[in-house]
Amino acid sequence: MRRRDDEPRSLGEVLDGLAGRLRRVDLRTIDEARSLWGSAVDPVLAEHCRVEMVRDGILIVAVPTGAFAQRVTDEEASILAAYAVLGSRAPRAVRAVVRDRTERS
């Protein structure tokens, strides 16, 4: 039987969903990726853009404008080269996501 969207979810359902999301996200890798960001890109990008997460081999970077998104995209090869120090946990791609600085990830 299918649950209606307005019905409360059981704690078990909520925890199963959360556990599924956590299995796909390595918090240690995210922390290391954030630490490397300042040395992986030029100071202007480091100041205005931030690493949100690494998920499924993709480094997701929050940027304030489309112009910064284009710069991150243009520098993808050098960014990935800098992240190679993470070995098997290194991202294989970079994705820029435009976010307002007041938004939280």
Protein backbone atom coordinates (compact mmCIF):
# COMPACT_ATOMS: atom_id res chain seq x y z
CA MET A 1 0.00 0.00 0.00
CA ARG A 2 1.33 3.43 -0.93
CA ARG A 3 1.66 6.03 1.81
CA ARG A 4 -0.01 9.40 1.22
CA ASP A 5 2.34 12.40 1.30
CA ASP A 6 0.41 14.10 4.08
CA GLU A 7 0.63 11.12 6.42
CA PRO A 8 3.38 11.11 9.05
CA ARG A 9 6.42 8.98 8.33
CA SER A 10 7.66 6.42 10.79
CA LEU A 11 10.98 7.03 12.51
CA GLY A 12 12.32 3.93 10.77
CA GLU A 13 11.49 5.36 7.33
CA VAL A 14 13.16 8.66 8.16
CA LEU A 15 16.30 6.98 9.52
CA ASP A 16 16.53 4.64 6.52
CA GLY A 17 16.40 7.62 4.17
CA LEU A 18 19.03 9.49 6.15
CA ALA A 19 21.33 6.47 6.33
CA GLY A 20 21.07 6.07 2.55
CA ARG A 21 22.19 9.66 2.04
CA LEU A 22 25.08 9.34 4.49
CA ARG A 23 26.40 6.22 2.79
CA ARG A 24 26.88 8.23 -0.41
CA VAL A 25 28.69 11.12 1.33
CA ASP A 26 32.09 10.70 2.98
CA LEU A 27 32.38 13.49 5.56
CA ARG A 28 36.15 13.07 5.85
CA THR A 29 36.57 13.59 2.11
CA ILE A 30 34.39 16.70 2.24
CA ASP A 31 36.50 18.14 5.04
CA GLU A 32 39.72 17.41 3.14
CA ALA A 33 38.26 18.86 -0.06
CA ARG A 34 37.36 22.07 1.75
CA SER A 35 40.86 22.28 3.22
CA LEU A 36 42.48 21.84 -0.21
CA TRP A 37 40.26 24.40 -1.97
CA GLY A 38 42.41 27.44 -1.14
CA SER A 39 45.50 25.87 -2.66
CA ALA A 40 43.68 24.30 -5.62
CA VAL A 41 42.35 27.55 -7.09
CA ASP A 42 43.40 31.17 -7.41
CA PRO A 43 42.69 33.48 -4.44
CA VAL A 44 39.66 35.13 -6.07
CA LEU A 45 37.91 31.80 -6.57
CA ALA A 46 38.94 30.65 -3.10
CA GLU A 47 37.42 33.78 -1.57
CA HIS A 48 34.11 33.75 -3.43
CA CYS A 49 33.41 30.06 -4.02
CA ARG A 50 33.19 27.17 -1.57
CA VAL A 51 33.21 23.40 -1.67
CA GLU A 52 29.82 22.07 -0.64
CA MET A 53 30.48 18.35 -0.94
CA VAL A 54 31.96 15.47 -2.85
CA ARG A 55 29.30 13.03 -3.92
CA ASP A 56 29.57 10.15 -6.34
CA GLY A 57 33.00 11.38 -7.45
CA ILE A 58 31.82 14.92 -8.19
CA LEU A 59 33.24 17.96 -6.40
CA ILE A 60 30.26 20.29 -5.95
CA VAL A 61 31.28 23.93 -5.63
CA ALA A 62 28.90 26.75 -4.64
CA VAL A 63 29.54 29.90 -6.66
CA PRO A 64 27.89 33.34 -6.38
CA THR A 65 27.35 34.00 -10.11
CA GLY A 66 27.37 32.38 -13.51
CA ALA A 67 30.70 34.07 -14.25
CA PHE A 68 32.30 32.24 -11.33
CA ALA A 69 30.64 29.01 -12.48
CA GLN A 70 32.29 29.46 -15.88
CA ARG A 71 35.68 30.07 -14.27
CA VAL A 72 35.37 26.91 -12.16
CA THR A 73 34.37 24.95 -15.26
CA ASP A 74 37.29 26.39 -17.24
CA GLU A 75 39.73 25.41 -14.48
CA GLU A 76 38.30 21.91 -13.92
CA ALA A 77 41.45 20.10 -15.13
CA SER A 78 43.78 22.01 -12.80
CA ILE A 79 41.33 21.68 -9.88
CA LEU A 80 41.14 17.91 -10.36
CA ALA A 81 44.94 17.73 -10.61
CA ALA A 82 45.22 19.48 -7.24
CA TYR A 83 42.75 17.03 -5.70
CA ALA A 84 44.68 13.99 -6.98
CA VAL A 85 46.45 13.95 -3.59
CA LEU A 86 43.25 12.35 -2.22
CA GLY A 87 44.07 9.20 -4.18
CA SER A 88 41.09 6.91 -4.73
CA ARG A 89 38.81 9.44 -3.00
CA ALA A 90 39.75 12.24 -5.42
CA PRO A 91 36.84 13.70 -7.37
CA ARG A 92 36.63 12.82 -11.07
CA ALA A 93 34.59 15.87 -12.07
CA VAL A 94 33.69 19.35 -10.83
CA ARG A 95 30.22 20.87 -10.87
CA ALA A 96 29.58 24.53 -10.08
CA VAL A 97 26.20 25.42 -8.56
CA VAL A 98 25.11 29.05 -8.35
CA ARG A 99 24.02 29.82 -4.80
CA ASP A 100 23.20 33.02 -3.02
CA ARG A 101 25.77 33.57 -0.23
CA THR A 102 22.89 33.60 2.28
CA GLU A 103 21.80 30.07 1.23
CA ARG A 104 23.08 27.20 3.32
CA SER A 105 24.03 23.81 1.90
